[in-house]
Amino acid sequence: MPKFPTVAEYVAAQPEALRDVYATLLPVLDDAMPAPAVLYHGAPTWKAGKNPVCLAKAYSSYVTLAFWRGQLFDGDLEPSAREMAHVKLRSAEDVDAKQITAWVRQALALETESAA
């Protein structure tokens, strides 16, 4: 996938079904996180300070919402590498704002604990 200068351009380059997922997902994450997404390693990523907290990466038929320390908190996330865990969002209906906000709160709490 080519590199994009902005999150908006990254999203605009995705297939329509994935753009719909992003249209629902991005406001949820932007509202829950202290700062908006930036492109980090080629995918929209939300950070707490300098630490990445979660990302939303497009694949051919879904968007993966992954949390760097997701294995350390509650929720129906699938374990990934190291402490990461993720969920695959195949449609806008898969975006559960309440659950995603809860995951973000847990992720931010872990970042606060590790900074103390």
PDB file of N, CA and C in Angstrom:
ATOM      1  N   MET A   1       0.843  -1.170   0.000  1.00  0.00           N
ATOM      2  CA  MET A   1       0.000   0.000   0.000  1.00  0.00           C
ATOM      3  C   MET A   1       0.893   1.239   0.000  1.00  0.00           C
ATOM      4  N   PRO A   2       0.543   2.234  -0.792  1.00  0.00           N
ATOM      5  CA  PRO A   2       1.355   3.454  -0.842  1.00  0.00           C
ATOM      6  C   PRO A   2       1.275   4.235   0.471  1.00  0.00           C
ATOM      7  N   LYS A   3       2.261   5.099   0.665  1.00  0.00           N
ATOM      8  CA  LYS A   3       2.262   5.949   1.850  1.00  0.00           C
ATOM      9  C   LYS A   3       1.353   7.147   1.605  1.00  0.00           C
ATOM     10  N   PHE A   4       0.669   7.570   2.642  1.00  0.00           N
ATOM     11  CA  PHE A   4      -0.248   8.702   2.559  1.00  0.00           C
ATOM     12  C   PHE A   4       0.197   9.770   3.545  1.00  0.00           C
ATOM     13  N   PRO A   5       0.050  11.046   3.182  1.00  0.00           N
ATOM     14  CA  PRO A   5       0.476  12.105   4.091  1.00  0.00           C
ATOM     15  C   PRO A   5      -0.485  12.350   5.261  1.00  0.00           C
ATOM     16  N   THR A   6      -1.767  11.998   5.101  1.00  0.00           N
ATOM     17  CA  THR A   6      -2.734  12.263   6.168  1.00  0.00           C
ATOM     18  C   THR A   6      -3.648  11.057   6.382  1.00  0.00           C
ATOM     19  N   VAL A   7      -4.279  11.030   7.547  1.00  0.00           N
ATOM     20  CA  VAL A   7      -5.256   9.980   7.840  1.00  0.00           C
ATOM     21  C   VAL A   7      -6.414  10.070   6.856  1.00  0.00           C
ATOM     22  N   ALA A   8      -6.868  11.281   6.554  1.00  0.00           N
ATOM     23  CA  ALA A   8      -7.990  11.452   5.619  1.00  0.00           C
ATOM     24  C   ALA A   8      -7.669  10.858   4.253  1.00  0.00           C
ATOM     25  N   GLU A   9      -6.459  11.056   3.770  1.00  0.00           N
ATOM     26  CA  GLU A   9      -6.078  10.495   2.471  1.00  0.00           C
ATOM     27  C   GLU A   9      -5.957   8.974   2.542  1.00  0.00           C
ATOM     28  N   TYR A  10      -5.475   8.461   3.660  1.00  0.00           N
ATOM     29  CA  TYR A  10      -5.408   7.009   3.864  1.00  0.00           C
ATOM     30  C   TYR A  10      -6.811   6.416   3.775  1.00  0.00           C
ATOM     31  N   VAL A  11      -7.748   7.013   4.491  1.00  0.00           N
ATOM     32  CA  VAL A  11      -9.126   6.515   4.506  1.00  0.00           C
ATOM     33  C   VAL A  11      -9.757   6.639   3.123  1.00  0.00           C
ATOM     34  N   ALA A  12      -9.551   7.755   2.461  1.00  0.00           N
ATOM     35  CA  ALA A  12     -10.149   7.978   1.138  1.00  0.00           C
ATOM     36  C   ALA A  12      -9.686   6.954   0.110  1.00  0.00           C
ATOM     37  N   ALA A  13      -8.513   6.383   0.304  1.00  0.00           N
ATOM     38  CA  ALA A  13      -7.965   5.413  -0.648  1.00  0.00           C
ATOM     39  C   ALA A  13      -8.513   3.998  -0.437  1.00  0.00           C
ATOM     40  N   GLN A  14      -9.308   3.798   0.613  1.00  0.00           N
ATOM     41  CA  GLN A  14      -9.825   2.460   0.921  1.00  0.00           C
ATOM     42  C   GLN A  14     -11.102   2.174   0.127  1.00  0.00           C
ATOM     43  N   PRO A  15     -11.452   0.891  -0.027  1.00  0.00           N
ATOM     44  CA  PRO A  15     -12.723   0.542  -0.669  1.00  0.00           C
ATOM     45  C   PRO A  15     -13.904   1.129   0.120  1.00  0.00           C
ATOM     46  N   GLU A  16     -15.015   1.301  -0.545  1.00  0.00           N
ATOM     47  CA  GLU A  16     -16.177   1.952   0.067  1.00  0.00           C
ATOM     48  C   GLU A  16     -16.601   1.313   1.390  1.00  0.00           C
ATOM     49  N   ALA A  17     -16.646  -0.002   1.448  1.00  0.00           N
ATOM     50  CA  ALA A  17     -17.074  -0.673   2.684  1.00  0.00           C
ATOM     51  C   ALA A  17     -16.151  -0.329   3.848  1.00  0.00           C
ATOM     52  N   LEU A  18     -14.862  -0.222   3.587  1.00  0.00           N
ATOM     53  CA  LEU A  18     -13.920   0.122   4.655  1.00  0.00           C
ATOM     54  C   LEU A  18     -14.001   1.601   5.002  1.00  0.00           C
ATOM     55  N   ARG A  19     -14.276   2.443   4.014  1.00  0.00           N
ATOM     56  CA  ARG A  19     -14.482   3.868   4.313  1.00  0.00           C
ATOM     57  C   ARG A  19     -15.670   4.032   5.257  1.00  0.00           C
ATOM     58  N   ASP A  20     -16.707   3.210   5.058  1.00  0.00           N
ATOM     59  CA  ASP A  20     -17.869   3.259   5.954  1.00  0.00           C
ATOM     60  C   ASP A  20     -17.480   2.865   7.378  1.00  0.00           C
ATOM     61  N   VAL A  21     -16.635   1.848   7.511  1.00  0.00           N
ATOM     62  CA  VAL A  21     -16.147   1.454   8.841  1.00  0.00           C
ATOM     63  C   VAL A  21     -15.405   2.625   9.469  1.00  0.00           C
ATOM     64  N   TYR A  22     -14.488   3.222   8.715  1.00  0.00           N
ATOM     65  CA  TYR A  22     -13.722   4.354   9.245  1.00  0.00           C
ATOM     66  C   TYR A  22     -14.626   5.533   9.591  1.00  0.00           C
ATOM     67  N   ALA A  23     -15.648   5.790   8.782  1.00  0.00           N
ATOM     68  CA  ALA A  23     -16.550   6.919   9.046  1.00  0.00           C
ATOM     69  C   ALA A  23     -17.243   6.770  10.397  1.00  0.00           C
ATOM     70  N   THR A  24     -17.486   5.545  10.805  1.00  0.00           N
ATOM     71  CA  THR A  24     -18.107   5.279  12.099  1.00  0.00           C
ATOM     72  C   THR A  24     -17.063   5.190  13.209  1.00  0.00           C
ATOM     73  N   LEU A  25     -15.934   4.571  12.917  1.00  0.00           N
ATOM     74  CA  LEU A  25     -14.904   4.307  13.926  1.00  0.00           C
ATOM     75  C   LEU A  25     -14.096   5.539  14.323  1.00  0.00           C
ATOM     76  N   LEU A  26     -13.660   6.323  13.368  1.00  0.00           N
ATOM     77  CA  LEU A  26     -12.753   7.437  13.677  1.00  0.00           C
ATOM     78  C   LEU A  26     -13.332   8.420  14.687  1.00  0.00           C
ATOM     79  N   PRO A  27     -14.596   8.843  14.552  1.00  0.00           N
ATOM     80  CA  PRO A  27     -15.125   9.769  15.569  1.00  0.00           C
ATOM     81  C   PRO A  27     -15.157   9.165  16.974  1.00  0.00           C
ATOM     82  N   VAL A  28     -15.435   7.873  17.073  1.00  0.00           N
ATOM     83  CA  VAL A  28     -15.450   7.210  18.385  1.00  0.00           C
ATOM     84  C   VAL A  28     -14.061   7.296  19.017  1.00  0.00           C
ATOM     85  N   LEU A  29     -13.045   6.942  18.243  1.00  0.00           N
ATOM     86  CA  LEU A  29     -11.682   6.962  18.774  1.00  0.00           C
ATOM     87  C   LEU A  29     -11.196   8.383  19.024  1.00  0.00           C
ATOM     88  N   ASP A  30     -11.491   9.296  18.106  1.00  0.00           N
ATOM     89  CA  ASP A  30     -11.058  10.683  18.297  1.00  0.00           C
ATOM     90  C   ASP A  30     -11.687  11.294  19.547  1.00  0.00           C
ATOM     91  N   ASP A  31     -12.958  10.944  19.827  1.00  0.00           N
ATOM     92  CA  ASP A  31     -13.619  11.469  21.027  1.00  0.00           C
ATOM     93  C   ASP A  31     -13.046  10.861  22.304  1.00  0.00           C
ATOM     94  N   ALA A  32     -12.649   9.601  22.247  1.00  0.00           N
ATOM     95  CA  ALA A  32     -12.179   8.899  23.445  1.00  0.00           C
ATOM     96  C   ALA A  32     -10.705   9.141  23.756  1.00  0.00           C
ATOM     97  N   MET A  33      -9.929   9.460  22.748  1.00  0.00           N
ATOM     98  CA  MET A  33      -8.484   9.636  22.928  1.00  0.00           C
ATOM     99  C   MET A  33      -8.143  11.102  23.181  1.00  0.00           C
ATOM    100  N   PRO A  34      -7.010  11.361  23.846  1.00  0.00           N
ATOM    101  CA  PRO A  34      -6.627  12.746  24.120  1.00  0.00           C
ATOM    102  C   PRO A  34      -6.148  13.512  22.889  1.00  0.00           C
ATOM    103  N   ALA A  35      -5.795  12.814  21.828  1.00  0.00           N
ATOM    104  CA  ALA A  35      -5.311  13.472  20.609  1.00  0.00           C
ATOM    105  C   ALA A  35      -5.830  12.699  19.397  1.00  0.00           C
ATOM    106  N   PRO A  36      -6.002  13.381  18.257  1.00  0.00           N
ATOM    107  CA  PRO A  36      -6.472  12.684  17.055  1.00  0.00           C
ATOM    108  C   PRO A  36      -5.414  11.735  16.500  1.00  0.00           C
ATOM    109  N   ALA A  37      -5.843  10.921  15.575  1.00  0.00           N
ATOM    110  CA  ALA A  37      -4.949   9.933  14.963  1.00  0.00           C
ATOM    111  C   ALA A  37      -3.859  10.602  14.138  1.00  0.00           C
ATOM    112  N   VAL A  38      -2.732   9.912  14.081  1.00  0.00           N
ATOM    113  CA  VAL A  38      -1.636  10.257  13.177  1.00  0.00           C
ATOM    114  C   VAL A  38      -1.287   8.986  12.414  1.00  0.00           C
ATOM    115  N   LEU A  39      -0.625   9.124  11.301  1.00  0.00           N
ATOM    116  CA  LEU A  39      -0.162   7.936  10.592  1.00  0.00           C
ATOM    117  C   LEU A  39       1.149   7.487  11.223  1.00  0.00           C
ATOM    118  N   TYR A  40       1.183   6.244  11.645  1.00  0.00           N
ATOM    119  CA  TYR A  40       2.347   5.656  12.309  1.00  0.00           C
ATOM    120  C   TYR A  40       2.516   4.270  11.719  1.00  0.00           C
ATOM    121  N   HIS A  41       3.640   4.009  11.133  1.00  0.00           N
ATOM    122  CA  HIS A  41       3.879   2.749  10.425  1.00  0.00           C
ATOM    123  C   HIS A  41       2.790   2.482   9.391  1.00  0.00           C
ATOM    124  N   GLY A  42       2.310   3.549   8.754  1.00  0.00           N
ATOM    125  CA  GLY A  42       1.384   3.421   7.639  1.00  0.00           C
ATOM    126  C   GLY A  42      -0.074   3.242   7.978  1.00  0.00           C
ATOM    127  N   ALA A  43      -0.462   3.349   9.249  1.00  0.00           N
ATOM    128  CA  ALA A  43      -1.864   3.173   9.625  1.00  0.00           C
ATOM    129  C   ALA A  43      -2.279   4.252  10.625  1.00  0.00           C
ATOM    130  N   PRO A  44      -3.558   4.642  10.628  1.00  0.00           N
ATOM    131  CA  PRO A  44      -4.028   5.592  11.635  1.00  0.00           C
ATOM    132  C   PRO A  44      -3.792   5.028  13.036  1.00  0.00           C
ATOM    133  N   THR A  45      -3.131   5.834  13.856  1.00  0.00           N
ATOM    134  CA  THR A  45      -2.731   5.403  15.195  1.00  0.00           C
ATOM    135  C   THR A  45      -3.017   6.523  16.185  1.00  0.00           C
ATOM    136  N   TRP A  46      -3.524   6.140  17.344  1.00  0.00           N
ATOM    137  CA  TRP A  46      -3.802   7.087  18.413  1.00  0.00           C
ATOM    138  C   TRP A  46      -2.778   6.861  19.510  1.00  0.00           C
ATOM    139  N   LYS A  47      -2.270   7.971  20.044  1.00  0.00           N
ATOM    140  CA  LYS A  47      -1.210   7.890  21.044  1.00  0.00           C
ATOM    141  C   LYS A  47      -1.615   8.615  22.316  1.00  0.00           C
ATOM    142  N   ALA A  48      -0.994   8.202  23.417  1.00  0.00           N
ATOM    143  CA  ALA A  48      -1.055   8.920  24.684  1.00  0.00           C
ATOM    144  C   ALA A  48       0.358   9.441  24.889  1.00  0.00           C
ATOM    145  N   GLY A  49       0.549  10.717  24.669  1.00  0.00           N
ATOM    146  CA  GLY A  49       1.906  11.253  24.657  1.00  0.00           C
ATOM    147  C   GLY A  49       2.645  10.680  23.469  1.00  0.00           C
ATOM    148  N   LYS A  50       3.783  10.071  23.728  1.00  0.00           N
ATOM    149  CA  LYS A  50       4.567   9.468  22.646  1.00  0.00           C
ATOM    150  C   LYS A  50       4.253   7.988  22.459  1.00  0.00           C
ATOM    151  N   ASN A  51       3.464   7.417  23.357  1.00  0.00           N
ATOM    152  CA  ASN A  51       3.201   5.980  23.320  1.00  0.00           C
ATOM    153  C   ASN A  51       1.986   5.644  22.465  1.00  0.00           C
ATOM    154  N   PRO A  52       2.141   4.759  21.486  1.00  0.00           N
ATOM    155  CA  PRO A  52       0.977   4.329  20.709  1.00  0.00           C
ATOM    156  C   PRO A  52       0.036   3.513  21.587  1.00  0.00           C
ATOM    157  N   VAL A  53      -1.254   3.767  21.438  1.00  0.00           N
ATOM    158  CA  VAL A  53      -2.273   3.085  22.233  1.00  0.00           C
ATOM    159  C   VAL A  53      -3.074   2.124  21.363  1.00  0.00           C
ATOM    160  N   CYS A  54      -3.543   2.609  20.204  1.00  0.00           N
ATOM    161  CA  CYS A  54      -4.319   1.747  19.315  1.00  0.00           C
ATOM    162  C   CYS A  54      -4.142   2.197  17.874  1.00  0.00           C
ATOM    163  N   LEU A  55      -4.477   1.288  16.966  1.00  0.00           N
ATOM    164  CA  LEU A  55      -4.403   1.588  15.537  1.00  0.00           C
ATOM    165  C   LEU A  55      -5.617   0.998  14.846  1.00  0.00           C
ATOM    166  N   ALA A  56      -5.911   1.523  13.669  1.00  0.00           N
ATOM    167  CA  ALA A  56      -7.014   1.022  12.843  1.00  0.00           C
ATOM    168  C   ALA A  56      -6.467   0.841  11.433  1.00  0.00           C
ATOM    169  N   LYS A  57      -6.051  -0.368  11.127  1.00  0.00           N
ATOM    170  CA  LYS A  57      -5.388  -0.658   9.852  1.00  0.00           C
ATOM    171  C   LYS A  57      -6.334  -1.376   8.897  1.00  0.00           C
ATOM    172  N   ALA A  58      -6.359  -0.897   7.656  1.00  0.00           N
ATOM    173  CA  ALA A  58      -7.207  -1.496   6.624  1.00  0.00           C
ATOM    174  C   ALA A  58      -6.531  -2.698   5.985  1.00  0.00           C
ATOM    175  N   TYR A  59      -7.305  -3.746   5.825  1.00  0.00           N
ATOM    176  CA  TYR A  59      -6.914  -4.916   5.039  1.00  0.00           C
ATOM    177  C   TYR A  59      -7.912  -5.021   3.892  1.00  0.00           C
ATOM    178  N   SER A  60      -7.873  -6.065   3.120  1.00  0.00           N
ATOM    179  CA  SER A  60      -8.720  -6.124   1.928  1.00  0.00           C
ATOM    180  C   SER A  60     -10.215  -6.135   2.233  1.00  0.00           C
ATOM    181  N   SER A  61     -10.639  -6.760   3.325  1.00  0.00           N
ATOM    182  CA  SER A  61     -12.074  -6.857   3.583  1.00  0.00           C
ATOM    183  C   SER A  61     -12.476  -6.454   5.008  1.00  0.00           C
ATOM    184  N   TYR A  62     -11.556  -5.887   5.770  1.00  0.00           N
ATOM    185  CA  TYR A  62     -11.872  -5.476   7.139  1.00  0.00           C
ATOM    186  C   TYR A  62     -10.856  -4.449   7.619  1.00  0.00           C
ATOM    187  N   VAL A  63     -11.211  -3.808   8.719  1.00  0.00           N
ATOM    188  CA  VAL A  63     -10.307  -2.904   9.426  1.00  0.00           C
ATOM    189  C   VAL A  63      -9.971  -3.572  10.751  1.00  0.00           C
ATOM    190  N   THR A  64      -8.697  -3.692  11.037  1.00  0.00           N
ATOM    191  CA  THR A  64      -8.274  -4.221  12.329  1.00  0.00           C
ATOM    192  C   THR A  64      -8.107  -3.065  13.300  1.00  0.00           C
ATOM    193  N   LEU A  65      -8.833  -3.130  14.400  1.00  0.00           N
ATOM    194  CA  LEU A  65      -8.643  -2.203  15.509  1.00  0.00           C
ATOM    195  C   LEU A  65      -7.805  -2.952  16.532  1.00  0.00           C
ATOM    196  N   ALA A  66      -6.587  -2.481  16.748  1.00  0.00           N
ATOM    197  CA  ALA A  66      -5.653  -3.175  17.633  1.00  0.00           C
ATOM    198  C   ALA A  66      -5.186  -2.242  18.743  1.00  0.00           C
ATOM    199  N   PHE A  67      -5.008  -2.822  19.917  1.00  0.00           N
ATOM    200  CA  PHE A  67      -4.509  -2.093  21.084  1.00  0.00           C
ATOM    201  C   PHE A  67      -3.162  -2.670  21.476  1.00  0.00           C
ATOM    202  N   TRP A  68      -2.184  -1.788  21.675  1.00  0.00           N
ATOM    203  CA  TRP A  68      -0.817  -2.226  21.984  1.00  0.00           C
ATOM    204  C   TRP A  68      -0.776  -3.097  23.227  1.00  0.00           C
ATOM    205  N   ARG A  69      -1.569  -2.770  24.232  1.00  0.00           N
ATOM    206  CA  ARG A  69      -1.560  -3.537  25.486  1.00  0.00           C
ATOM    207  C   ARG A  69      -2.903  -4.228  25.713  1.00  0.00           C
ATOM    208  N   GLY A  70      -3.564  -4.570  24.631  1.00  0.00           N
ATOM    209  CA  GLY A  70      -4.917  -5.110  24.676  1.00  0.00           C
ATOM    210  C   GLY A  70      -5.077  -6.430  25.394  1.00  0.00           C
ATOM    211  N   GLN A  71      -4.012  -7.206  25.508  1.00  0.00           N
ATOM    212  CA  GLN A  71      -4.123  -8.477  26.230  1.00  0.00           C
ATOM    213  C   GLN A  71      -4.221  -8.268  27.741  1.00  0.00           C
ATOM    214  N   LEU A  72      -3.991  -7.044  28.185  1.00  0.00           N
ATOM    215  CA  LEU A  72      -3.991  -6.759  29.615  1.00  0.00           C
ATOM    216  C   LEU A  72      -5.326  -6.238  30.132  1.00  0.00           C
ATOM    217  N   PHE A  73      -6.323  -6.085  29.247  1.00  0.00           N
ATOM    218  CA  PHE A  73      -7.615  -5.617  29.745  1.00  0.00           C
ATOM    219  C   PHE A  73      -8.769  -6.463  29.232  1.00  0.00           C
ATOM    220  N   ASP A  74      -9.954  -6.219  29.831  1.00  0.00           N
ATOM    221  CA  ASP A  74     -11.143  -7.014  29.545  1.00  0.00           C
ATOM    222  C   ASP A  74     -11.715  -6.683  28.172  1.00  0.00           C
ATOM    223  N   GLY A  75     -12.319  -7.679  27.569  1.00  0.00           N
ATOM    224  CA  GLY A  75     -12.992  -7.458  26.301  1.00  0.00           C
ATOM    225  C   GLY A  75     -12.801  -8.620  25.360  1.00  0.00           C
ATOM    226  N   ASP A  76     -13.578  -8.623  24.324  1.00  0.00           N
ATOM    227  CA  ASP A  76     -13.532  -9.694  23.328  1.00  0.00           C
ATOM    228  C   ASP A  76     -12.520  -9.371  22.238  1.00  0.00           C
ATOM    229  N   LEU A  77     -11.281  -9.234  22.634  1.00  0.00           N
ATOM    230  CA  LEU A  77     -10.209  -8.964  21.684  1.00  0.00           C
ATOM    231  C   LEU A  77      -9.413 -10.237  21.456  1.00  0.00           C
ATOM    232  N   GLU A  78      -8.953 -10.401  20.241  1.00  0.00           N
ATOM    233  CA  GLU A  78      -8.150 -11.573  19.886  1.00  0.00           C
ATOM    234  C   GLU A  78      -6.672 -11.263  20.136  1.00  0.00           C
ATOM    235  N   PRO A  79      -5.966 -12.099  20.882  1.00  0.00           N
ATOM    236  CA  PRO A  79      -4.548 -11.844  21.141  1.00  0.00           C
ATOM    237  C   PRO A  79      -3.734 -11.791  19.843  1.00  0.00           C
ATOM    238  N   SER A  80      -2.762 -10.892  19.841  1.00  0.00           N
ATOM    239  CA  SER A  80      -1.838 -10.734  18.717  1.00  0.00           C
ATOM    240  C   SER A  80      -0.421 -10.855  19.265  1.00  0.00           C
ATOM    241  N   ALA A  81       0.507 -10.223  18.612  1.00  0.00           N
ATOM    242  CA  ALA A  81       1.910 -10.254  19.024  1.00  0.00           C
ATOM    243  C   ALA A  81       2.111  -9.520  20.350  1.00  0.00           C
ATOM    244  N   ARG A  82       3.059 -10.003  21.117  1.00  0.00           N
ATOM    245  CA  ARG A  82       3.447  -9.413  22.404  1.00  0.00           C
ATOM    246  C   ARG A  82       2.218  -9.178  23.272  1.00  0.00           C
ATOM    247  N   GLU A  83       1.964  -7.945  23.681  1.00  0.00           N
ATOM    248  CA  GLU A  83       0.798  -7.631  24.513  1.00  0.00           C
ATOM    249  C   GLU A  83      -0.390  -7.157  23.690  1.00  0.00           C
ATOM    250  N   MET A  84      -0.250  -7.117  22.373  1.00  0.00           N
ATOM    251  CA  MET A  84      -1.312  -6.578  21.523  1.00  0.00           C
ATOM    252  C   MET A  84      -2.504  -7.525  21.443  1.00  0.00           C
ATOM    253  N   ALA A  85      -3.672  -6.920  21.175  1.00  0.00           N
ATOM    254  CA  ALA A  85      -4.894  -7.674  20.908  1.00  0.00           C
ATOM    255  C   ALA A  85      -5.727  -6.837  19.945  1.00  0.00           C
ATOM    256  N   HIS A  86      -6.597  -7.506  19.176  1.00  0.00           N
ATOM    257  CA  HIS A  86      -7.324  -6.801  18.127  1.00  0.00           C
ATOM    258  C   HIS A  86      -8.726  -7.367  17.919  1.00  0.00           C
ATOM    259  N   VAL A  87      -9.502  -6.617  17.155  1.00  0.00           N
ATOM    260  CA  VAL A  87     -10.811  -7.050  16.678  1.00  0.00           C
ATOM    261  C   VAL A  87     -10.886  -6.651  15.206  1.00  0.00           C
ATOM    262  N   LYS A  88     -11.533  -7.486  14.403  1.00  0.00           N
ATOM    263  CA  LYS A  88     -11.711  -7.194  12.979  1.00  0.00           C
ATOM    264  C   LYS A  88     -13.098  -6.596  12.770  1.00  0.00           C
ATOM    265  N   LEU A  89     -13.126  -5.433  12.137  1.00  0.00           N
ATOM    266  CA  LEU A  89     -14.376  -4.731  11.854  1.00  0.00           C
ATOM    267  C   LEU A  89     -14.651  -4.840  10.360  1.00  0.00           C
ATOM    268  N   ARG A  90     -15.672  -5.602   9.985  1.00  0.00           N
ATOM    269  CA  ARG A  90     -15.977  -5.850   8.577  1.00  0.00           C
ATOM    270  C   ARG A  90     -17.022  -4.894   8.011  1.00  0.00           C
ATOM    271  N   SER A  91     -17.776  -4.245   8.892  1.00  0.00           N
ATOM    272  CA  SER A  91     -18.788  -3.285   8.448  1.00  0.00           C
ATOM    273  C   SER A  91     -18.958  -2.226   9.528  1.00  0.00           C
ATOM    274  N   ALA A  92     -19.628  -1.144   9.168  1.00  0.00           N
ATOM    275  CA  ALA A  92     -19.869  -0.081  10.142  1.00  0.00           C
ATOM    276  C   ALA A  92     -20.693  -0.596  11.321  1.00  0.00           C
ATOM    277  N   GLU A  93     -21.542  -1.595  11.082  1.00  0.00           N
ATOM    278  CA  GLU A  93     -22.354  -2.169  12.152  1.00  0.00           C
ATOM    279  C   GLU A  93     -21.503  -2.884  13.200  1.00  0.00           C
ATOM    280  N   ASP A  94     -20.295  -3.268  12.846  1.00  0.00           N
ATOM    281  CA  ASP A  94     -19.391  -3.923  13.798  1.00  0.00           C
ATOM    282  C   ASP A  94     -18.767  -2.943  14.788  1.00  0.00           C
ATOM    283  N   VAL A  95     -18.898  -1.661  14.530  1.00  0.00           N
ATOM    284  CA  VAL A  95     -18.304  -0.642  15.399  1.00  0.00           C
ATOM    285  C   VAL A  95     -19.236  -0.422  16.592  1.00  0.00           C
ATOM    286  N   ASP A  96     -18.854  -0.964  17.734  1.00  0.00           N
ATOM    287  CA  ASP A  96     -19.615  -0.829  18.976  1.00  0.00           C
ATOM    288  C   ASP A  96     -18.971   0.303  19.778  1.00  0.00           C
ATOM    289  N   ALA A  97     -19.543   1.493  19.664  1.00  0.00           N
ATOM    290  CA  ALA A  97     -18.933   2.679  20.268  1.00  0.00           C
ATOM    291  C   ALA A  97     -18.737   2.520  21.772  1.00  0.00           C
ATOM    292  N   LYS A  98     -19.712   1.951  22.448  1.00  0.00           N
ATOM    293  CA  LYS A  98     -19.610   1.789  23.904  1.00  0.00           C
ATOM    294  C   LYS A  98     -18.449   0.859  24.259  1.00  0.00           C
ATOM    295  N   GLN A  99     -18.337  -0.271  23.568  1.00  0.00           N
ATOM    296  CA  GLN A  99     -17.261  -1.224  23.854  1.00  0.00           C
ATOM    297  C   GLN A  99     -15.897  -0.632  23.505  1.00  0.00           C
ATOM    298  N   ILE A 100     -15.805   0.030  22.358  1.00  0.00           N
ATOM    299  CA  ILE A 100     -14.530   0.617  21.936  1.00  0.00           C
ATOM    300  C   ILE A 100     -14.092   1.695  22.923  1.00  0.00           C
ATOM    301  N   THR A 101     -15.030   2.511  23.370  1.00  0.00           N
ATOM    302  CA  THR A 101     -14.702   3.539  24.360  1.00  0.00           C
ATOM    303  C   THR A 101     -14.210   2.899  25.657  1.00  0.00           C
ATOM    304  N   ALA A 102     -14.816   1.794  26.066  1.00  0.00           N
ATOM    305  CA  ALA A 102     -14.364   1.085  27.272  1.00  0.00           C
ATOM    306  C   ALA A 102     -12.945   0.562  27.084  1.00  0.00           C
ATOM    307  N   TRP A 103     -12.649   0.014  25.903  1.00  0.00           N
ATOM    308  CA  TRP A 103     -11.287  -0.461  25.643  1.00  0.00           C
ATOM    309  C   TRP A 103     -10.290   0.687  25.694  1.00  0.00           C
ATOM    310  N   VAL A 104     -10.664   1.820  25.104  1.00  0.00           N
ATOM    311  CA  VAL A 104      -9.768   2.984  25.113  1.00  0.00           C
ATOM    312  C   VAL A 104      -9.509   3.428  26.548  1.00  0.00           C
ATOM    313  N   ARG A 105     -10.540   3.467  27.363  1.00  0.00           N
ATOM    314  CA  ARG A 105     -10.353   3.873  28.770  1.00  0.00           C
ATOM    315  C   ARG A 105      -9.387   2.936  29.484  1.00  0.00           C
ATOM    316  N   GLN A 106      -9.542   1.641  29.246  1.00  0.00           N
ATOM    317  CA  GLN A 106      -8.626   0.680  29.865  1.00  0.00           C
ATOM    318  C   GLN A 106      -7.200   0.886  29.356  1.00  0.00           C
ATOM    319  N   ALA A 107      -7.072   1.112  28.067  1.00  0.00           N
ATOM    320  CA  ALA A 107      -5.743   1.323  27.482  1.00  0.00           C
ATOM    321  C   ALA A 107      -5.095   2.579  28.048  1.00  0.00           C
ATOM    322  N   LEU A 108      -5.862   3.650  28.171  1.00  0.00           N
ATOM    323  CA  LEU A 108      -5.317   4.891  28.722  1.00  0.00           C
ATOM    324  C   LEU A 108      -4.956   4.723  30.195  1.00  0.00           C
ATOM    325  N   ALA A 109      -5.743   3.963  30.937  1.00  0.00           N
ATOM    326  CA  ALA A 109      -5.422   3.708  32.345  1.00  0.00           C
ATOM    327  C   ALA A 109      -4.099   2.965  32.465  1.00  0.00           C
ATOM    328  N   LEU A 110      -3.863   2.004  31.584  1.00  0.00           N
ATOM    329  CA  LEU A 110      -2.583   1.285  31.601  1.00  0.00           C
ATOM    330  C   LEU A 110      -1.425   2.226  31.299  1.00  0.00           C
ATOM    331  N   GLU A 111      -1.623   3.152  30.376  1.00  0.00           N
ATOM    332  CA  GLU A 111      -0.563   4.114  30.055  1.00  0.00           C
ATOM    333  C   GLU A 111      -0.296   5.031  31.244  1.00  0.00           C
ATOM    334  N   THR A 112      -1.348   5.429  31.944  1.00  0.00           N
ATOM    335  CA  THR A 112      -1.192   6.290  33.117  1.00  0.00           C
ATOM    336  C   THR A 112      -0.437   5.557  34.221  1.00  0.00           C
ATOM    337  N   GLU A 113      -0.782   4.272  34.425  1.00  0.00           N
ATOM    338  CA  GLU A 113      -0.096   3.467  35.443  1.00  0.00           C
ATOM    339  C   GLU A 113       1.384   3.310  35.123  1.00  0.00           C
ATOM    340  N   SER A 114       1.693   3.052  33.862  1.00  0.00           N
ATOM    341  CA  SER A 114       3.098   2.823  33.495  1.00  0.00           C
ATOM    342  C   SER A 114       3.912   4.105  33.537  1.00  0.00           C
ATOM    343  N   ALA A 115       3.245   5.260  33.427  1.00  0.00           N
ATOM    344  CA  ALA A 115       3.956   6.537  33.478  1.00  0.00           C
ATOM    345  C   ALA A 115       4.230   6.960  34.922  1.00  0.00           C
ATOM    346  N   ALA A 116       3.477   6.392  35.862  1.00  0.00           N
ATOM    347  CA  ALA A 116       3.618   6.799  37.273  1.00  0.00           C
ATOM    348  C   ALA A 116       4.839   6.182  37.923  1.00  0.00           C
TER     349      ALA A 116
END
